[in-house]
Structure formats: structure tokens, C-alpha cells
Amino acid sequence: MSVDLVARLDDKLRAKRESFDKIPVVDIAPLLDGSNKQAVAKQIRWALSNNDFMYVKNHGIPQEFVDSVFDVSRRFFDLPMPQKMELHVSKSDVALRGYIEPFGENTDPGKTKDLKECFDIGPERSTLEGVASLSVWTCRKIISRN
């Protein structure tokens, strides 16, 4: 394939960068019900290519569950640092699940470490057979102490 053709394809595939004054909201109901998957895919692509994030609506997750996740997250991040460090990502297996403290991660090696704290989650088991990641039960135990 010629370099010119690759460049033209890349231009066609690349989302047009535009400024925005609010966080994009993507309705994924047409994706879930199959009525317009391509339109939703285009909206997701635009949102993530231009803003790196988005809100999702009509996802089918009960609001009660969403509220409980926010509550547990808030309670976890309000814990004293020593308790959060009990679940540090360095204590996990190859799945790399767990807490990362402020300045504990650097997503852009050309810049300073990230001013954020986070908790990396994923499936209960990694893709490697028999390797279990941090258990949700351990998290509940630590959070329930407070």
C-alpha cells in the first residue's frame, strides 16, 4: 500500500478535532438494542478522539447500583493512606489491580508523574489461568472497617 494511500485513509479514519464546552453525552441504547450500532460507534469515536472521555446514558445499569459504586468509591478514597496502601497495585498479581497513590503513576513519560489517585479494577481473574487478582471481598473488608 502506498504511503499516500495510507495517509489518505488515516485522514478519513481520524476524527475531526473540535472544541467543546461540555462533556459529550453518548446514548448507547441504539447500540444495545442493535437499532443503530454504527451511529453510536461514530459518537463514541468522536467523543474519545476529541475529549478523551464521555458520559454514557441509557446503558441499562440500575441507578441504585451506580449510586452504590460511587458510595463505595467515596468511602475508599476517604480512608487514611495506610489503609489504602494495603490494596496497593504492587501487592497484586500480573493483572495489576489495586490502589495507586498520588504521583504513583506516570501515563506520559515525557512529563511529571500524575497528580491523581486511582484504583485499577478488572475481571476477578486475569487472562492467565489460575492467577487471581485482588478480591472484591478484601476491598469490602477494608472499607467496612470505617
Foldseek 3Di string as FASTA:
>chain_A
DDPVVVVVVVVVPQADADDDDDAAEQECPCVVVVVCVPVSVVSVRNRCRHPVDHHYPPPPDDPVVVVVVVVLVVLLVPDPPVLQCVFQQVPWPPVSFGKAAAQRAQPDVVDGGHRDIDTHDDDQADPPPPGGTDDPVSSCVSSVVD
